Amino acid sequence: MTDFFMIGKIVGVHGLRGIVKVYSYAESPSVFEPGRALLLKFPGGEKVCVVKWAKPHARVILMSLEGTDDRNQAEELVGGEFFIERNCLPEPDEGAYYWEDLIGIAVFKTDGTFIGRIESIIPTGSNDVYVVADKGSETLIPALESVVVEVDPEAGVMRVDLPEGL
């Protein structure tokens, strides 16, 4: 478990007053609430930024940051990634996990056969899909209660009962 989670990436600027366009990885835009301090790692370094305001706009969030007042300052931050401290996030519901806690854990079939490690997670309309990789092969596993039997992120283990054909 890490102390910081990546919650978004600056993908562009908007207008002349230092507004940035942020692609959010967070389920809720509330992580970008005014006054919130976020760690920003960008091509020129890293710094703590305080959100002045944020609002949804098309597929991104428009955001104003304290100390970023013109387009040139904003452009220097493009490509930067926002991180939030774990203790600022609510505890997930029982049986739910932050993706960050699942990436890298070992996945086994119920018979103990090692499948691989979760490399990434694909969100879909109905359920997430775990991309499990081992030695160049990939297995796509649906994140369904009928498939995922046990998850123990602290031990770094997931057990699955794969449907026929997987």
Protein backbone atom coordinates (compact mmCIF):
# COMPACT_ATOMS: atom_id res chain seq x y z
CA MET A 1 0.00 0.00 0.00
CA THR A 2 1.38 3.38 -0.94
CA ASP A 3 1.06 6.69 0.91
CA PHE A 4 0.01 8.60 -2.22
CA PHE A 5 -2.44 7.82 -5.02
CA MET A 6 -2.31 9.29 -8.51
CA ILE A 7 -5.66 10.99 -9.07
CA GLY A 8 -5.23 12.93 -12.31
CA LYS A 9 -3.03 14.28 -15.06
CA ILE A 10 -2.79 17.75 -16.58
CA VAL A 11 -3.52 17.28 -20.27
CA GLY A 12 -3.70 20.89 -21.43
CA VAL A 13 -4.47 24.50 -20.64
CA HIS A 14 -7.63 26.55 -21.04
CA GLY A 15 -7.64 30.26 -21.79
CA LEU A 16 -5.10 32.84 -20.71
CA ARG A 17 -5.55 32.90 -16.91
CA GLY A 18 -3.59 29.80 -15.90
CA ILE A 19 -6.46 27.30 -15.97
CA VAL A 20 -5.38 23.70 -16.50
CA LYS A 21 -7.32 20.78 -17.99
CA VAL A 22 -7.08 17.71 -15.79
CA TYR A 23 -7.98 14.17 -16.78
CA SER A 24 -9.25 12.66 -13.53
CA TYR A 25 -8.53 9.09 -12.46
CA ALA A 26 -10.72 9.58 -9.38
CA GLU A 27 -14.24 8.22 -9.16
CA SER A 28 -15.46 11.48 -7.63
CA PRO A 29 -14.38 15.05 -8.47
CA SER A 30 -14.56 15.84 -4.73
CA VAL A 31 -10.83 15.02 -4.45
CA PHE A 32 -10.23 18.33 -6.25
CA GLU A 33 -12.19 20.43 -3.72
CA PRO A 34 -11.10 24.07 -3.19
CA GLY A 35 -8.36 24.42 -0.58
CA ARG A 36 -7.10 20.85 -1.08
CA ALA A 37 -3.32 20.50 -1.24
CA LEU A 38 -2.14 18.05 -3.89
CA LEU A 39 1.32 16.87 -4.84
CA LEU A 40 2.07 17.66 -8.49
CA LYS A 41 4.91 15.88 -10.27
CA PHE A 42 5.54 17.60 -13.60
CA PRO A 43 8.29 17.62 -16.26
CA GLY A 44 10.19 20.41 -14.45
CA GLY A 45 10.02 18.93 -10.95
CA GLU A 46 7.43 18.58 -8.23
CA LYS A 47 5.56 20.87 -5.87
CA VAL A 48 2.53 21.06 -3.63
CA CYS A 49 -0.40 22.85 -5.29
CA VAL A 50 -3.52 24.20 -3.65
CA VAL A 51 -6.77 24.02 -5.61
CA LYS A 52 -8.55 27.39 -5.95
CA TRP A 53 -11.50 25.88 -7.81
CA ALA A 54 -12.34 22.95 -10.05
CA LYS A 55 -15.32 22.14 -12.26
CA PRO A 56 -16.19 19.42 -14.77
CA HIS A 57 -15.85 20.39 -18.43
CA ALA A 58 -16.58 17.84 -21.17
CA ARG A 59 -14.28 14.88 -20.39
CA VAL A 60 -11.86 16.80 -18.19
CA ILE A 61 -11.88 19.00 -15.11
CA LEU A 62 -10.97 22.64 -15.46
CA MET A 63 -8.88 23.69 -12.47
CA SER A 64 -7.35 26.85 -11.10
CA LEU A 65 -4.31 26.48 -8.85
CA GLU A 66 -2.96 29.02 -6.39
CA GLY A 67 0.16 30.68 -7.88
CA THR A 68 -0.63 29.68 -11.47
CA ASP A 69 -2.03 32.88 -12.93
CA ASP A 70 -1.21 32.88 -16.63
CA ARG A 71 -1.09 30.55 -19.60
CA ASN A 72 2.73 30.31 -19.64
CA GLN A 73 2.82 29.09 -16.04
CA ALA A 74 0.06 26.58 -16.78
CA GLU A 75 1.80 25.27 -19.92
CA GLU A 76 4.88 24.36 -17.84
CA LEU A 77 2.69 21.96 -15.85
CA VAL A 78 1.22 20.03 -18.81
CA GLY A 79 2.01 16.34 -18.42
CA GLY A 80 2.13 16.69 -14.65
CA GLU A 81 0.40 14.14 -12.46
CA PHE A 82 -1.57 14.93 -9.31
CA PHE A 83 -1.19 12.76 -6.22
CA ILE A 84 -3.22 12.78 -3.00
CA GLU A 85 -2.31 11.36 0.39
CA ARG A 86 -4.05 8.08 1.11
CA ASN A 87 -5.34 9.33 4.46
CA CYS A 88 -7.32 12.06 2.61
CA LEU A 89 -9.42 9.41 0.86
CA PRO A 90 -12.37 7.59 2.41
CA GLU A 91 -11.95 3.94 3.29
CA PRO A 92 -13.43 1.82 0.49
CA ASP A 93 -16.58 -0.16 1.21
CA GLU A 94 -16.16 -3.76 2.29
CA GLY A 95 -15.21 -5.86 -0.72
CA ALA A 96 -14.12 -2.78 -2.69
CA TYR A 97 -10.51 -1.76 -3.24
CA TYR A 98 -8.55 1.11 -4.66
CA TRP A 99 -6.94 0.11 -7.95
CA GLU A 100 -3.58 1.20 -6.58
CA ASP A 101 -3.89 -1.54 -3.94
CA LEU A 102 -4.55 -4.23 -6.56
CA ILE A 103 -1.89 -3.42 -9.17
CA GLY A 104 0.99 -5.86 -8.77
CA ILE A 105 -0.71 -8.48 -6.59
CA ALA A 106 -0.35 -12.15 -7.48
CA VAL A 107 -3.37 -13.93 -8.95
CA PHE A 108 -3.94 -17.67 -8.41
CA LYS A 109 -6.63 -20.08 -9.54
CA THR A 110 -8.55 -21.79 -6.74
CA ASP A 111 -6.40 -24.90 -7.29
CA GLY A 112 -3.27 -22.85 -6.48
CA THR A 113 -2.02 -22.39 -10.06
CA PHE A 114 -0.23 -19.07 -10.49
CA ILE A 115 -1.74 -17.00 -13.33
CA GLY A 116 0.33 -13.83 -13.03
CA ARG A 117 0.22 -10.37 -11.49
CA ILE A 118 -2.36 -7.63 -12.04
CA GLU A 119 -0.68 -5.28 -14.49
CA SER A 120 -3.57 -2.90 -15.09
CA ILE A 121 -7.32 -2.57 -14.74
CA ILE A 122 -9.72 -1.75 -17.57
CA PRO A 123 -12.95 -0.01 -16.60
CA THR A 124 -15.93 -1.14 -18.65
CA GLY A 125 -19.58 -0.20 -18.53
CA SER A 126 -20.63 -3.15 -16.41
CA ASN A 127 -17.55 -4.27 -14.46
CA ASP A 128 -13.80 -3.76 -14.34
CA VAL A 129 -11.45 -6.22 -16.04
CA TYR A 130 -8.11 -7.18 -14.50
CA VAL A 131 -5.20 -7.52 -16.93
CA VAL A 132 -3.07 -10.29 -15.44
CA ALA A 133 0.34 -10.86 -17.02
CA ASP A 134 3.06 -13.48 -16.64
CA LYS A 135 6.04 -14.14 -18.93
CA GLY A 136 4.57 -12.39 -21.94
CA SER A 137 1.09 -13.86 -21.69
CA GLU A 138 -1.97 -11.91 -20.63
CA THR A 139 -5.21 -13.11 -19.10
CA LEU A 140 -8.23 -10.84 -18.87
CA ILE A 141 -10.25 -11.57 -15.74
CA PRO A 142 -13.65 -9.97 -15.12
CA ALA A 143 -13.99 -8.34 -11.69
CA LEU A 144 -17.13 -10.23 -10.76
CA GLU A 145 -18.11 -11.82 -7.44
CA SER A 146 -18.67 -15.10 -9.25
CA VAL A 147 -15.04 -15.06 -10.50
CA VAL A 148 -13.03 -13.30 -7.77
CA VAL A 149 -13.16 -15.62 -4.76
CA GLU A 150 -10.72 -13.86 -2.41
CA VAL A 151 -8.74 -10.62 -2.36
CA ASP A 152 -6.05 -9.91 0.22
CA PRO A 153 -4.14 -6.78 -0.85
CA GLU A 154 -2.04 -6.78 2.34
CA ALA A 155 -0.77 -10.27 1.54
CA GLY A 156 -0.60 -9.39 -2.17
CA VAL A 157 -2.87 -12.26 -3.26
CA MET A 158 -6.08 -12.74 -5.25
CA ARG A 159 -7.77 -16.10 -5.85
CA VAL A 160 -10.09 -16.58 -8.80
CA ASP A 161 -12.45 -19.25 -10.11
CA LEU A 162 -12.11 -18.78 -13.85
CA PRO A 163 -15.01 -19.54 -16.18
CA GLU A 164 -14.57 -22.21 -18.85
CA GLY A 165 -12.21 -21.12 -21.62
CA LEU A 166 -9.99 -18.80 -19.57
